[in-house]
Amino acid sequence: MAFAIEITSAAYDELDNIKPYYRRSIINAIDKQLTHEPTTESKNRKVLAGIQPGFEHETPVWELRVRQYRVYYDVDHESTTVFIRAVRQKPPHTTTEQTI
């Protein structure tokens, strides 16, 4: 079953501020990795336990790693929708808590 992807306006604004080359990579990764089994942990996907992000979300919040960027999302299984909540650059040597 395929999940629909919904990008919140805040995440859309963050995505819009990213250079087009990286934005394409992020969008491709979202389409490839989150439309099927978005809640299956993998090398580039993990659930963020015990972290309270500063944006609107439903728990649990997930993180998708795409190069130096992180896509934060949650999933509504009833409506089979993935909600992209934030897209942030994670500088080297910083923690997820500092990025979120």
C-alpha atoms as a PDB file:
ATOM      1  CA  MET A   1       0.000   0.000   0.000  1.00  0.00           C
ATOM      2  CA  ALA A   2       1.437   3.364  -1.019  1.00  0.00           C
ATOM      3  CA  PHE A   3       1.446   6.278   1.384  1.00  0.00           C
ATOM      4  CA  ALA A   4       0.549   9.781   0.280  1.00  0.00           C
ATOM      5  CA  ILE A   5       3.111  12.487   1.033  1.00  0.00           C
ATOM      6  CA  GLU A   6       1.947  15.808   2.461  1.00  0.00           C
ATOM      7  CA  ILE A   7       4.467  18.596   3.007  1.00  0.00           C
ATOM      8  CA  THR A   8       3.443  21.148   5.626  1.00  0.00           C
ATOM      9  CA  SER A   9       3.769  24.822   4.747  1.00  0.00           C
ATOM     10  CA  ALA A  10       6.671  25.267   7.200  1.00  0.00           C
ATOM     11  CA  ALA A  11       8.553  22.335   5.666  1.00  0.00           C
ATOM     12  CA  TYR A  12       7.770  23.618   2.181  1.00  0.00           C
ATOM     13  CA  ASP A  13       9.313  26.991   3.082  1.00  0.00           C
ATOM     14  CA  GLU A  14      12.428  25.262   4.421  1.00  0.00           C
ATOM     15  CA  LEU A  15      12.657  23.101   1.313  1.00  0.00           C
ATOM     16  CA  ASP A  16      12.210  26.138  -0.916  1.00  0.00           C
ATOM     17  CA  ASN A  17      15.290  27.761   0.666  1.00  0.00           C
ATOM     18  CA  ILE A  18      17.552  24.833  -0.256  1.00  0.00           C
ATOM     19  CA  LYS A  19      19.593  24.977  -3.465  1.00  0.00           C
ATOM     20  CA  PRO A  20      17.807  23.216  -6.354  1.00  0.00           C
ATOM     21  CA  TYR A  21      20.406  20.442  -6.713  1.00  0.00           C
ATOM     22  CA  TYR A  22      20.001  19.354  -3.088  1.00  0.00           C
ATOM     23  CA  ARG A  23      16.248  19.966  -3.143  1.00  0.00           C
ATOM     24  CA  ARG A  24      15.885  17.488  -6.018  1.00  0.00           C
ATOM     25  CA  SER A  25      17.875  14.883  -4.079  1.00  0.00           C
ATOM     26  CA  ILE A  26      15.690  15.399  -1.016  1.00  0.00           C
ATOM     27  CA  ILE A  27      12.444  15.161  -2.985  1.00  0.00           C
ATOM     28  CA  ASN A  28      13.675  12.023  -4.775  1.00  0.00           C
ATOM     29  CA  ALA A  29      14.595  10.425  -1.441  1.00  0.00           C
ATOM     30  CA  ILE A  30      11.190  11.300   0.018  1.00  0.00           C
ATOM     31  CA  ASP A  31       9.415   9.740  -2.966  1.00  0.00           C
ATOM     32  CA  LYS A  32      11.625   6.656  -2.995  1.00  0.00           C
ATOM     33  CA  GLN A  33      11.862   5.945   0.727  1.00  0.00           C
ATOM     34  CA  LEU A  34       8.641   7.216   2.286  1.00  0.00           C
ATOM     35  CA  THR A  35       5.896   6.111  -0.094  1.00  0.00           C
ATOM     36  CA  HIS A  36       6.302   2.464   0.966  1.00  0.00           C
ATOM     37  CA  GLU A  37       6.993   1.351   4.550  1.00  0.00           C
ATOM     38  CA  PRO A  38       7.860   4.792   5.989  1.00  0.00           C
ATOM     39  CA  THR A  39       8.002   3.358   9.513  1.00  0.00           C
ATOM     40  CA  THR A  40      10.576   0.682   8.777  1.00  0.00           C
ATOM     41  CA  GLU A  41      13.979   1.596  10.182  1.00  0.00           C
ATOM     42  CA  SER A  42      16.854   1.512   7.726  1.00  0.00           C
ATOM     43  CA  LYS A  43      20.320   2.933   7.286  1.00  0.00           C
ATOM     44  CA  ASN A  44      18.834   6.352   6.481  1.00  0.00           C
ATOM     45  CA  ARG A  45      15.576   6.232   8.483  1.00  0.00           C
ATOM     46  CA  LYS A  46      15.093   6.131  12.229  1.00  0.00           C
ATOM     47  CA  VAL A  47      12.526   6.982  14.843  1.00  0.00           C
ATOM     48  CA  LEU A  48      13.469   9.824  17.193  1.00  0.00           C
ATOM     49  CA  ALA A  49      12.663   8.662  20.697  1.00  0.00           C
ATOM     50  CA  GLY A  50      12.711  11.091  23.593  1.00  0.00           C
ATOM     51  CA  ILE A  51      13.190  14.203  21.468  1.00  0.00           C
ATOM     52  CA  GLN A  52      10.709  17.088  21.497  1.00  0.00           C
ATOM     53  CA  PRO A  53      10.967  19.024  18.222  1.00  0.00           C
ATOM     54  CA  GLY A  54      10.071  22.692  18.081  1.00  0.00           C
ATOM     55  CA  PHE A  55       7.541  22.185  15.279  1.00  0.00           C
ATOM     56  CA  GLU A  56       4.018  20.771  15.123  1.00  0.00           C
ATOM     57  CA  HIS A  57       4.066  16.988  14.993  1.00  0.00           C
ATOM     58  CA  GLU A  58       2.460  13.734  16.024  1.00  0.00           C
ATOM     59  CA  THR A  59       4.550  11.200  17.891  1.00  0.00           C
ATOM     60  CA  PRO A  60       6.630   9.387  17.007  1.00  0.00           C
ATOM     61  CA  VAL A  61       8.735  11.665  14.823  1.00  0.00           C
ATOM     62  CA  TRP A  62      10.940  10.016  12.240  1.00  0.00           C
ATOM     63  CA  GLU A  63      14.139  11.234  10.603  1.00  0.00           C
ATOM     64  CA  LEU A  64      15.185  10.577   7.006  1.00  0.00           C
ATOM     65  CA  ARG A  65      18.833  11.292   6.262  1.00  0.00           C
ATOM     66  CA  VAL A  66      19.616  12.721   2.820  1.00  0.00           C
ATOM     67  CA  ARG A  67      23.264  13.783   2.610  1.00  0.00           C
ATOM     68  CA  GLN A  68      23.726  16.673   5.050  1.00  0.00           C
ATOM     69  CA  TYR A  69      19.965  17.251   5.277  1.00  0.00           C
ATOM     70  CA  ARG A  70      17.402  15.710   7.584  1.00  0.00           C
ATOM     71  CA  VAL A  71      13.722  15.294   6.786  1.00  0.00           C
ATOM     72  CA  TYR A  72      11.536  15.073   9.893  1.00  0.00           C
ATOM     73  CA  TYR A  73       8.167  13.420   9.458  1.00  0.00           C
ATOM     74  CA  ASP A  74       5.364  11.530  11.128  1.00  0.00           C
ATOM     75  CA  VAL A  75       2.901   9.003   9.773  1.00  0.00           C
ATOM     76  CA  ASP A  76      -0.877   8.671   9.993  1.00  0.00           C
ATOM     77  CA  HIS A  77      -1.578   4.985   9.336  1.00  0.00           C
ATOM     78  CA  GLU A  78      -5.360   5.461   9.179  1.00  0.00           C
ATOM     79  CA  SER A  79      -5.177   7.853   6.250  1.00  0.00           C
ATOM     80  CA  THR A  80      -1.923   6.291   4.931  1.00  0.00           C
ATOM     81  CA  THR A  81      -0.281   9.710   4.847  1.00  0.00           C
ATOM     82  CA  VAL A  82       3.259  10.789   5.630  1.00  0.00           C
ATOM     83  CA  PHE A  83       3.452  14.356   6.920  1.00  0.00           C
ATOM     84  CA  ILE A  84       6.760  16.095   6.229  1.00  0.00           C
ATOM     85  CA  ARG A  85       7.167  18.508   9.146  1.00  0.00           C
ATOM     86  CA  ALA A  86      10.654  19.962   8.635  1.00  0.00           C
ATOM     87  CA  VAL A  87      13.656  19.785   6.308  1.00  0.00           C
ATOM     88  CA  ARG A  88      16.854  20.974   7.946  1.00  0.00           C
ATOM     89  CA  GLN A  89      20.536  20.987   7.193  1.00  0.00           C
ATOM     90  CA  LYS A  90      22.575  19.171   9.824  1.00  0.00           C
ATOM     91  CA  PRO A  91      26.051  20.676  10.039  1.00  0.00           C
ATOM     92  CA  PRO A  92      28.942  18.316  10.793  1.00  0.00           C
ATOM     93  CA  HIS A  93      29.572  17.554  14.456  1.00  0.00           C
ATOM     94  CA  THR A  94      26.107  18.589  15.603  1.00  0.00           C
ATOM     95  CA  THR A  95      23.472  16.454  17.275  1.00  0.00           C
ATOM     96  CA  THR A  96      19.924  15.837  16.167  1.00  0.00           C
ATOM     97  CA  GLU A  97      18.704  17.824  19.178  1.00  0.00           C
ATOM     98  CA  GLN A  98      20.657  20.854  17.955  1.00  0.00           C
ATOM     99  CA  THR A  99      19.262  20.502  14.432  1.00  0.00           C
ATOM    100  CA  ILE A 100      15.664  20.007  15.403  1.00  0.00           C
END
